[in-house]
Amino acid sequence: MSALNKDIGTFDNMVTALNYHMYQPVILANTGEFGGSTAHAPFSGHEKVIAHVHGSNQLAISMFDIDPTLFKSKTKISSKN
């Protein structure tokens, strides 16, 4: 999601919650005017935070690769009809 967000703390908490709730990578790119861009993925330990930039009126570029197949379900869901 992209944002022009002044309330960085609230949106940081939302990204963290979505990462746990939806069990998927979540990326928030905020404008450099306000700062607060972040990327999280449901990995183990402290590896959940992929990139996190705070501070206002600065230019920051974070580059990273995420393999989407890591989050693909490997078990089949069977219907009990």
Protein backbone atom coordinates (compact mmCIF):
# COMPACT_ATOMS: atom_id res chain seq x y z
CA MET A 1 0.00 0.00 0.00
CA SER A 2 1.24 3.52 -0.63
CA ALA A 3 0.51 6.41 1.70
CA LEU A 4 0.71 10.11 2.41
CA ASN A 5 0.58 9.32 6.09
CA LYS A 6 1.43 11.66 8.98
CA ASP A 7 0.48 9.14 11.71
CA ILE A 8 3.48 6.84 11.38
CA GLY A 9 3.04 4.98 14.68
CA THR A 10 -0.52 3.90 13.90
CA PHE A 11 0.37 2.67 10.43
CA ASP A 12 3.45 0.80 11.75
CA ASN A 13 1.12 -1.05 14.12
CA MET A 14 -1.35 -1.75 11.29
CA VAL A 15 1.39 -3.27 9.11
CA THR A 16 2.54 -5.48 11.98
CA ALA A 17 -1.03 -6.59 12.71
CA LEU A 18 -1.78 -7.35 9.05
CA ASN A 19 1.43 -9.38 8.79
CA TYR A 20 0.31 -11.61 11.69
CA HIS A 21 -3.40 -11.65 10.89
CA MET A 22 -3.18 -12.38 7.16
CA TYR A 23 0.13 -14.34 7.28
CA GLN A 24 1.42 -12.55 4.20
CA PRO A 25 4.04 -9.95 3.34
CA VAL A 26 2.88 -6.35 3.90
CA ILE A 27 4.66 -3.33 2.45
CA LEU A 28 3.86 0.30 3.24
CA ALA A 29 5.61 2.96 1.18
CA ASN A 30 5.16 6.40 2.70
CA THR A 31 6.27 9.71 1.27
CA GLY A 32 9.70 10.98 2.35
CA GLU A 33 7.97 14.10 3.67
CA PHE A 34 6.67 12.06 6.64
CA GLY A 35 8.84 8.91 6.63
CA GLY A 36 7.65 5.62 8.08
CA SER A 37 8.06 3.16 5.20
CA THR A 38 8.19 -0.48 6.23
CA ALA A 39 8.09 -4.04 4.88
CA HIS A 40 7.23 -7.11 6.99
CA ALA A 41 6.89 -10.80 6.14
CA PRO A 42 5.80 -13.74 8.32
CA PHE A 43 9.26 -15.24 8.79
CA SER A 44 10.54 -16.64 12.08
CA GLY A 45 12.32 -14.67 14.77
CA HIS A 46 13.55 -11.16 14.11
CA GLU A 47 13.56 -11.70 10.36
CA LYS A 48 9.94 -10.46 10.15
CA VAL A 49 11.08 -6.89 9.49
CA ILE A 50 12.59 -6.73 6.01
CA ALA A 51 12.97 -2.95 5.80
CA HIS A 52 12.02 -0.11 8.12
CA VAL A 53 12.72 3.59 7.54
CA HIS A 54 11.70 6.35 9.97
CA GLY A 55 12.31 10.06 9.94
CA SER A 56 10.84 12.94 8.03
CA ASN A 57 12.11 15.00 5.12
CA GLN A 58 14.59 12.40 3.94
CA LEU A 59 15.03 10.29 0.85
CA ALA A 60 15.46 6.56 1.42
CA ILE A 61 15.37 3.69 -1.04
CA SER A 62 15.01 0.13 0.26
CA MET A 63 15.56 -2.70 -2.21
CA PHE A 64 14.77 -6.32 -1.39
CA ASP A 65 13.52 -9.53 -2.97
CA ILE A 66 10.72 -11.66 -1.60
CA ASP A 67 10.05 -15.12 -2.98
CA PRO A 68 6.22 -15.33 -3.06
CA THR A 69 6.30 -19.12 -3.29
CA LEU A 70 7.43 -19.22 0.36
CA PHE A 71 3.90 -18.20 1.36
CA LYS A 72 2.02 -20.61 -0.88
CA SER A 73 0.11 -23.29 0.99
CA LYS A 74 1.76 -26.69 0.61
CA THR A 75 -1.16 -28.69 1.97
CA LYS A 76 -4.35 -29.35 0.11
CA ILE A 77 -7.59 -28.39 1.77
CA SER A 78 -10.08 -31.17 1.35
CA SER A 79 -13.80 -30.65 1.22
CA LYS A 80 -15.82 -32.82 3.58
CA ASN A 81 -19.05 -33.20 1.60
